[in-house]
Protein backbone atom coordinates (compact mmCIF):
# COMPACT_ATOMS: atom_id res chain seq x y z
CA MET A 1 0.00 0.00 0.00
CA GLN A 2 2.84 2.37 0.83
CA ARG A 3 4.30 1.87 -2.65
CA VAL A 4 0.95 2.56 -4.36
CA PHE A 5 0.50 5.81 -2.44
CA ASP A 6 4.09 6.86 -3.02
CA ASP A 7 3.66 6.21 -6.74
CA HIS A 8 0.44 8.25 -6.86
CA TRP A 9 1.81 11.25 -4.95
CA VAL A 10 2.27 14.36 -7.10
CA PRO A 11 4.40 17.44 -6.30
CA GLU A 12 1.32 19.64 -5.93
CA GLY A 13 0.54 17.84 -2.69
CA TYR A 14 -1.97 15.04 -3.16
CA ALA A 15 -2.28 11.42 -4.27
CA ALA A 16 -3.76 11.22 -7.77
CA PRO A 17 -6.54 8.61 -7.64
CA ASN A 18 -5.03 6.94 -10.73
CA THR A 19 -2.17 8.69 -12.50
CA GLY A 20 -3.44 7.74 -15.95
CA VAL A 21 -7.23 7.93 -15.70
CA TYR A 22 -7.69 10.36 -12.79
CA PRO A 23 -4.69 12.71 -12.54
CA TRP A 24 -6.56 15.57 -10.82
CA GLN A 25 -7.50 15.95 -7.18
CA TRP A 26 -11.04 14.79 -6.43
CA LEU A 27 -12.75 16.00 -3.27
CA TRP A 28 -13.99 12.87 -1.57
CA ASP A 29 -11.13 10.74 -2.93
CA SER A 30 -8.67 12.99 -1.11
CA CYS A 31 -10.71 12.88 2.10
CA PHE A 32 -10.40 9.09 2.04
CA HIS A 33 -6.70 9.36 1.15
CA VAL A 34 -6.21 11.35 4.36
CA LEU A 35 -7.46 8.31 6.29
CA VAL A 36 -5.05 6.03 4.45
CA TRP A 37 -2.10 8.38 5.08
CA ARG A 38 -3.05 8.25 8.77
CA ALA A 39 -3.01 4.45 8.68
CA LEU A 40 0.39 4.59 6.96
CA GLY A 41 1.69 6.90 9.68
CA ASP A 42 2.45 9.81 7.31
CA ARG A 43 1.29 12.92 9.15
CA ASP A 44 2.83 15.38 6.70
CA ARG A 45 1.12 13.99 3.60
CA ALA A 46 -2.21 13.53 5.40
CA GLN A 47 -2.24 17.20 6.35
CA ARG A 48 -0.87 18.43 3.01
CA GLU A 49 -3.49 16.55 1.00
CA LEU A 50 -6.30 17.84 3.19
CA ALA A 51 -5.08 21.43 2.88
CA GLU A 52 -4.56 21.23 -0.90
CA MET A 53 -8.15 20.08 -1.36
CA PHE A 54 -9.40 23.50 -0.23
CA ARG A 55 -7.20 25.49 -2.64
CA PRO A 56 -10.07 26.24 -5.12
CA GLN A 57 -12.65 26.92 -2.37
CA GLY A 58 -14.77 30.00 -3.08
CA PRO A 59 -15.65 32.90 -0.74
CA SER A 60 -19.09 31.35 -0.22
CA GLY A 61 -17.48 28.23 1.27
CA PHE A 62 -18.23 26.14 -1.83
CA VAL A 63 -15.57 23.43 -2.36
CA PRO A 64 -15.26 22.22 -5.99
CA HIS A 65 -15.27 18.48 -6.51
CA VAL A 66 -12.15 18.66 -8.72
CA ASN A 67 -9.00 20.73 -8.13
CA TYR A 68 -7.12 21.42 -11.39
CA VAL A 69 -3.98 22.76 -9.71
CA ARG A 70 -1.79 20.66 -12.06
CA SER A 71 -3.26 22.30 -15.19
CA LEU A 72 -5.27 25.46 -14.52
CA GLY A 73 -7.94 26.02 -17.12
CA PHE A 74 -8.44 22.33 -17.89
CA HIS A 75 -12.16 21.79 -18.62
CA GLU A 76 -12.80 25.52 -18.13
CA ASP A 77 -15.12 25.29 -21.13
CA LEU A 78 -17.31 22.86 -19.18
CA TRP A 79 -17.21 24.47 -15.75
CA GLY A 80 -16.63 28.16 -16.39
CA ARG A 81 -13.89 28.09 -13.73
CA ARG A 82 -10.11 27.84 -14.11
CA ASP A 83 -9.05 26.28 -10.82
CA GLY A 84 -11.81 23.77 -10.16
CA SER A 85 -15.18 22.39 -11.13
CA ALA A 86 -18.55 24.10 -10.63
CA ILE A 87 -20.11 21.38 -8.46
CA THR A 88 -19.16 19.79 -5.16
CA GLN A 89 -19.09 16.22 -3.74
CA PRO A 90 -19.99 14.60 -0.41
CA PRO A 91 -18.21 16.73 2.24
CA MET A 92 -16.12 13.94 3.71
CA TYR A 93 -13.66 16.53 5.02
CA GLY A 94 -15.69 16.73 8.24
CA HIS A 95 -14.83 13.10 8.98
CA ALA A 96 -11.24 13.52 7.74
CA VAL A 97 -10.62 16.46 10.09
CA ALA A 98 -12.17 14.61 13.03
CA GLU A 99 -10.09 11.48 12.34
CA LEU A 100 -6.86 13.50 12.27
CA VAL A 101 -7.77 15.17 15.56
CA ARG A 102 -8.54 11.78 17.11
CA ALA A 103 -5.16 10.55 15.89
CA GLY A 104 -3.42 13.45 17.62
CA TRP A 105 -2.62 15.13 14.28
CA PRO A 106 -4.91 18.20 14.37
CA PRO A 107 -4.92 20.19 11.10
CA ASP A 108 -4.06 23.89 11.11
CA ASP A 109 -6.84 26.13 12.38
CA GLU A 110 -7.14 27.64 8.89
CA VAL A 111 -7.86 24.22 7.35
CA VAL A 112 -10.46 23.47 10.02
CA ALA A 113 -12.09 26.82 9.25
CA PHE A 114 -12.18 25.88 5.56
CA ALA A 115 -13.99 22.65 6.45
CA VAL A 116 -16.54 24.47 8.61
CA SER A 117 -17.14 26.97 5.80
CA GLY A 118 -17.62 24.15 3.27
CA LEU A 119 -20.27 22.46 5.36
CA ARG A 120 -21.96 25.76 6.16
CA PHE A 121 -22.26 26.45 2.44
CA LEU A 122 -24.26 23.24 1.99
CA LEU A 123 -26.30 23.74 5.15
CA GLU A 124 -27.09 27.43 4.76
CA HIS A 125 -26.90 28.36 1.07
CA ARG A 126 -27.79 25.27 -0.95
CA ALA A 127 -31.46 25.00 -1.95
CA ARG A 128 -33.65 22.53 -0.05
CA ASP A 129 -36.83 20.66 -0.81
CA ARG A 130 -40.05 21.13 1.11
CA ASN A 131 -39.00 18.42 3.58
CA GLY A 132 -35.84 20.30 4.56
CA LEU A 133 -33.44 18.04 2.68
CA VAL A 134 -30.52 19.46 0.72
CA LEU A 135 -30.94 19.31 -3.05
CA ALA A 136 -28.12 18.03 -5.25
CA CYS A 137 -27.29 20.18 -8.27
CA HIS A 138 -25.98 17.27 -10.34
CA PRO A 139 -25.70 13.48 -10.00
CA TRP A 140 -21.90 13.91 -9.99
CA GLU A 141 -22.25 15.72 -6.66
CA THR A 142 -23.45 12.54 -4.99
CA GLY A 143 -20.42 10.57 -6.21
CA THR A 144 -22.72 7.84 -7.55
CA ASP A 145 -23.17 9.31 -10.98
CA ASP A 146 -24.61 6.33 -12.89
CA SER A 147 -26.70 4.99 -10.02
CA PRO A 148 -30.07 3.43 -10.99
CA ARG A 149 -31.56 5.99 -8.59
CA TRP A 150 -31.27 8.57 -11.38
CA ASP A 151 -32.82 6.43 -14.13
CA ASP A 152 -36.07 8.43 -14.16
CA ARG A 153 -34.06 11.50 -15.14
CA CYS A 154 -32.74 9.77 -18.29
CA PRO A 155 -35.21 10.13 -21.19
CA ASP A 156 -36.43 6.80 -22.58
CA GLY A 157 -34.73 4.87 -19.77
CA PHE A 158 -31.13 4.40 -18.79
CA ASP A 159 -28.54 4.09 -21.49
CA ARG A 160 -24.96 4.90 -20.56
CA ASP A 161 -24.18 7.01 -23.64
CA ARG A 162 -27.49 8.86 -23.44
CA TRP A 163 -27.02 9.43 -19.72
CA ALA A 164 -23.53 10.86 -20.35
CA SER A 165 -25.10 13.48 -22.62
CA VAL A 166 -27.73 14.28 -19.99
CA LYS A 167 -25.03 14.77 -17.35
CA ASP A 168 -23.15 17.20 -19.59
CA ARG A 169 -26.34 19.20 -20.23
CA LEU A 170 -27.16 19.31 -16.52
CA VAL A 171 -24.01 21.34 -15.89
CA SER A 172 -25.49 24.18 -17.97
CA THR A 173 -28.75 24.37 -15.99
CA ILE A 174 -27.20 24.94 -12.54
CA GLU A 175 -28.19 28.24 -10.92
CA THR A 176 -25.20 29.90 -9.25
CA GLY A 177 -24.39 32.62 -6.74
CA PRO A 178 -21.95 35.56 -6.79
CA ASP A 179 -18.74 33.51 -6.87
CA GLY A 180 -20.17 30.85 -9.18
CA GLU A 181 -21.22 28.59 -6.30
CA PRO A 182 -23.89 26.01 -7.28
CA LEU A 183 -27.13 26.75 -5.47
CA HIS A 184 -29.90 24.92 -7.31
CA ASN A 185 -30.62 23.00 -10.48
CA PRO A 186 -34.30 23.19 -11.48
CA VAL A 187 -33.75 20.39 -14.03
CA PHE A 188 -32.45 18.02 -11.32
CA PRO A 189 -34.53 18.82 -8.19
CA VAL A 190 -33.56 15.64 -6.32
CA ALA A 191 -32.73 15.41 -2.61
CA PRO A 192 -30.80 12.12 -2.37
CA ALA A 193 -30.96 10.21 0.90
CA GLY A 194 -27.30 9.19 0.75
CA PHE A 195 -26.00 12.68 -0.04
CA ASN A 196 -27.99 14.18 2.83
CA ALA A 197 -26.82 11.47 5.20
CA LEU A 198 -23.21 12.30 4.41
CA ILE A 199 -23.79 16.01 4.97
CA ALA A 200 -25.38 15.25 8.36
CA PHE A 201 -22.65 12.76 9.31
CA ASN A 202 -19.81 15.10 8.40
CA ALA A 203 -21.43 18.03 10.20
CA ARG A 204 -21.69 15.86 13.32
CA GLU A 205 -18.10 14.69 12.97
CA LEU A 206 -16.77 18.22 12.60
CA ALA A 207 -18.91 19.41 15.52
CA THR A 208 -17.08 16.94 17.79
CA VAL A 209 -13.78 18.78 17.31
CA VAL A 210 -14.83 22.44 16.87
CA ASP A 211 -16.82 24.75 19.11
CA ASP A 212 -19.80 25.09 16.80
CA ALA A 213 -23.08 23.91 18.26
CA GLY A 214 -24.87 25.04 15.11
CA LEU A 215 -23.29 22.28 13.06
CA ALA A 216 -24.62 19.61 15.42
CA GLU A 217 -28.07 21.22 15.41
CA GLU A 218 -28.16 21.32 11.61
CA ALA A 219 -27.07 17.67 11.51
CA ASP A 220 -29.93 16.75 13.84
CA LEU A 221 -32.45 18.60 11.65
CA LEU A 222 -31.25 16.77 8.53
CA THR A 223 -31.36 13.46 10.38
CA ALA A 224 -34.96 14.11 11.44
CA ALA A 225 -35.89 14.89 7.84
CA LEU A 226 -34.25 11.66 6.69
CA VAL A 227 -36.33 9.60 9.13
CA ASP A 228 -39.40 10.54 7.13
CA ARG A 229 -37.80 9.11 3.98
CA TRP A 230 -37.63 5.56 5.37
CA SER A 231 -39.78 3.00 3.55
CA GLU A 232 -40.63 0.00 5.68
CA GLU A 233 -41.90 -1.82 2.61
CA ALA A 234 -38.69 -1.35 0.60
CA GLY A 235 -36.33 -1.49 3.58
CA THR A 236 -34.47 1.60 2.41
CA TRP A 237 -34.47 5.37 2.57
CA VAL A 238 -36.14 6.98 -0.46
CA ASP A 239 -34.90 10.08 -2.27
CA ALA A 240 -37.14 13.15 -2.14
CA GLY A 241 -38.23 14.91 -5.29
CA PRO A 242 -39.59 13.79 -8.66
CA THR A 243 -38.01 10.33 -8.47
CA ALA A 244 -39.57 9.47 -5.11
CA ASP A 245 -42.22 7.16 -6.58
CA GLY A 246 -39.90 5.62 -9.17
CA SER A 247 -36.15 5.18 -9.46
CA GLY A 248 -35.58 7.07 -6.21
CA ARG A 249 -36.76 3.90 -4.45
CA VAL A 250 -34.24 1.52 -6.03
CA ARG A 251 -32.36 -0.29 -3.28
CA THR A 252 -28.76 0.91 -3.55
CA LEU A 253 -25.97 0.77 -1.00
CA ASP A 254 -25.58 4.54 -0.78
CA ALA A 255 -29.28 4.84 0.11
CA LEU A 256 -28.50 2.95 3.34
CA LEU A 257 -26.00 5.59 4.51
CA PRO A 258 -28.58 7.34 6.76
CA LEU A 259 -27.67 4.53 9.18
CA LEU A 260 -24.59 6.70 9.91
CA VAL A 261 -26.87 9.12 11.78
CA ASP A 262 -30.10 7.18 12.46
CA ASP A 263 -30.22 5.35 15.80
CA GLU A 264 -33.62 3.61 15.55
CA PRO A 265 -32.99 -0.09 16.36
CA GLY A 266 -35.65 -1.51 14.03
CA ARG A 267 -34.34 0.29 10.97
CA ALA A 268 -30.78 -0.63 11.90
CA ALA A 269 -31.67 -4.33 12.18
CA THR A 270 -33.38 -4.28 8.78
CA VAL A 271 -30.36 -2.66 7.14
CA VAL A 272 -27.81 -4.96 8.78
CA ASP A 273 -29.79 -8.04 7.75
CA GLN A 274 -29.74 -6.89 4.12
CA LEU A 275 -26.02 -6.13 4.20
CA LEU A 276 -25.23 -9.65 5.35
CA ASP A 277 -27.79 -11.48 3.18
CA PRO A 278 -26.19 -12.95 0.01
CA ARG A 279 -29.56 -12.53 -1.73
CA ALA A 280 -29.50 -8.79 -0.99
CA PHE A 281 -26.23 -6.84 -0.60
CA GLY A 282 -23.99 -9.48 0.97
CA GLY A 283 -21.05 -10.80 -1.01
CA PRO A 284 -17.77 -12.64 -0.41
CA ALA A 285 -15.83 -9.66 -1.82
CA GLY A 286 -17.77 -6.93 -0.01
CA PRO A 287 -21.25 -5.38 -0.09
CA ALA A 288 -22.79 -5.04 -3.55
CA GLY A 289 -23.65 -1.52 -4.68
CA VAL A 290 -27.21 -2.49 -5.66
CA HIS A 291 -29.60 -4.99 -4.06
CA ARG A 292 -29.35 -8.25 -6.01
CA ALA A 293 -33.11 -8.51 -6.42
CA GLU A 294 -33.29 -5.20 -8.28
CA PRO A 295 -33.78 -5.59 -12.08
CA THR A 296 -30.97 -3.07 -12.59
CA PHE A 297 -28.40 -5.12 -10.64
CA ASN A 298 -25.28 -5.87 -12.68
CA PRO A 299 -22.19 -6.92 -10.69
CA ASP A 300 -19.80 -5.64 -13.36
CA ALA A 301 -21.47 -2.40 -14.49
CA TYR A 302 -20.38 1.07 -13.36
CA TRP A 303 -22.49 2.02 -10.31
CA ARG A 304 -25.01 -0.73 -11.08
CA GLY A 305 -23.84 -3.41 -8.63
CA PRO A 306 -20.08 -3.65 -7.97
CA VAL A 307 -18.38 -3.05 -4.62
CA TRP A 308 -17.12 0.52 -4.15
CA PRO A 309 -14.52 0.70 -1.36
CA GLN A 310 -15.53 4.15 -0.10
CA LEU A 311 -19.17 3.11 0.30
CA ALA A 312 -18.14 -0.16 1.94
CA TYR A 313 -16.00 1.82 4.40
CA LEU A 314 -18.90 4.12 5.24
CA VAL A 315 -21.27 1.18 5.67
CA VAL A 316 -18.82 -0.41 8.10
CA LEU A 317 -18.77 2.81 10.15
CA ALA A 318 -22.57 2.89 10.14
CA VAL A 319 -23.02 -0.75 11.11
CA GLU A 320 -20.31 -0.64 13.78
CA ARG A 321 -22.56 1.50 15.97
CA HIS A 322 -25.23 -1.20 15.99
CA SER A 323 -23.43 -4.53 15.47
CA PRO A 324 -19.64 -4.70 15.80
CA THR A 325 -19.73 -8.34 14.71
CA ALA A 326 -21.54 -7.53 11.46
CA ALA A 327 -19.22 -4.57 10.87
CA ALA A 328 -16.16 -6.80 11.28
CA HIS A 329 -17.60 -9.24 8.74
CA LEU A 330 -18.22 -6.47 6.22
CA ALA A 331 -14.70 -5.16 6.78
CA ARG A 332 -13.18 -8.62 6.22
CA THR A 333 -15.04 -9.25 2.98
CA THR A 334 -14.23 -5.78 1.64
CA VAL A 335 -10.53 -6.18 2.44
CA ALA A 336 -10.55 -9.57 0.70
CA GLY A 337 -12.21 -8.00 -2.35
CA ALA A 338 -9.76 -5.11 -2.47
CA TRP A 339 -6.73 -7.42 -2.52
CA ALA A 340 -8.35 -9.80 -5.02
CA SER A 341 -9.13 -6.86 -7.33
CA GLY A 342 -5.56 -5.58 -7.37
CA LEU A 343 -6.73 -2.47 -5.47
CA ALA A 344 -9.16 -1.55 -8.23
CA GLU A 345 -11.49 1.44 -8.43
CA TYR A 346 -14.42 -0.97 -7.89
CA TRP A 347 -14.90 -4.73 -8.23
CA ASN A 348 -17.31 -7.63 -8.66
CA PRO A 349 -18.89 -8.48 -5.27
CA ASP A 350 -18.81 -12.22 -5.95
CA THR A 351 -15.42 -12.77 -7.57
CA GLY A 352 -13.42 -9.69 -6.57
CA ALA A 353 -12.49 -9.17 -10.23
CA GLY A 354 -11.10 -5.66 -10.58
CA LEU A 355 -13.06 -3.06 -12.58
CA GLY A 356 -12.39 0.52 -13.59
CA ALA A 357 -8.95 2.02 -12.96
CA VAL A 358 -6.33 -0.27 -11.39
CA PRO A 359 -4.85 0.60 -8.97
CA GLN A 360 -7.11 3.29 -7.56
CA SER A 361 -5.84 4.94 -4.42
CA TRP A 362 -9.08 4.99 -2.44
CA SER A 363 -8.97 1.18 -2.42
CA GLY A 364 -6.28 1.85 0.20
CA LEU A 365 -9.24 2.07 2.57
CA ALA A 366 -8.68 -1.69 2.80
CA LEU A 367 -5.76 -0.85 5.07
CA VAL A 368 -8.04 1.29 7.25
CA LEU A 369 -10.71 -1.43 7.34
CA ALA A 370 -8.10 -4.07 8.19
CA GLU A 371 -7.69 -2.26 11.51
CA ARG A 372 -11.39 -2.87 12.24
CA ARG A 373 -11.60 -6.59 11.44
């Protein structure tokens, strides 16, 4: 693992997810890299990568999901920005900051302030739906860009090429603020359960290490709103918005992330049972990204069924609060899948066959999960 991360390190101060396919700095990738650097015992690189991630942050607090520090102006025609993209990603920096503090490696006060500002942008400036949930401006913001949860937003049903065109067009319909910060997208008025869960979780995490009671209060309000999105019939949290009665109900792994902040025992038991069940999400190489009984499940297709190490890591954190034994099992299977895949970007949940870019640095989360087995 050390060699992979050394090979991926670039002079600008971060680990490129994959030096060939993904040379730029991605927001939530780098947050997970910080955790791997901690596990490797490299305080300097953990703190440098976290700080570099905030370089393109705007005055509003908005943190772009891609930092183009290696080639300013790259994709400026798409984003209208030189230093970064015009959308964000799950704000995993709240958890990254908290983990460094817990490790005795507190980031500089300035970096912590950047993290607080980033979360406050989402909590205070981003548009919300009538239920109080934060609206995504683009499926890329959720990290799960080809998830079957968005299929209703693809005309004539999901097709990967057609969906790629839709995603490009959605960039042009985002409504922005004074510094170009994304506030709302009327063409994609979806409030995803997983995205909101990660905002609430990271706000809570950051609130544990900073004197900001407002963050914890906002996290509690989002959590309460998420409770109302639980479907007992489907055994999952349902997205709010126009997909709520259709594809927003598809059982995906990211839709179970509200377990990170929801403490109700009955819902927790239902989720844990599904994660362990080989007919649902359970797999010898880690939890599948889509419930196996869903018609859209495909164990080899991008965001349609494979194991994604960052989601598996988050699921382990969520389950650990309710069943340490189940969490240890999920950690073991994910670690086995990561090694079998050659540390791939994602992999088949049954065979561990590597998919996407190989190696991909966030698969280093296997090292972090190995500590929890």
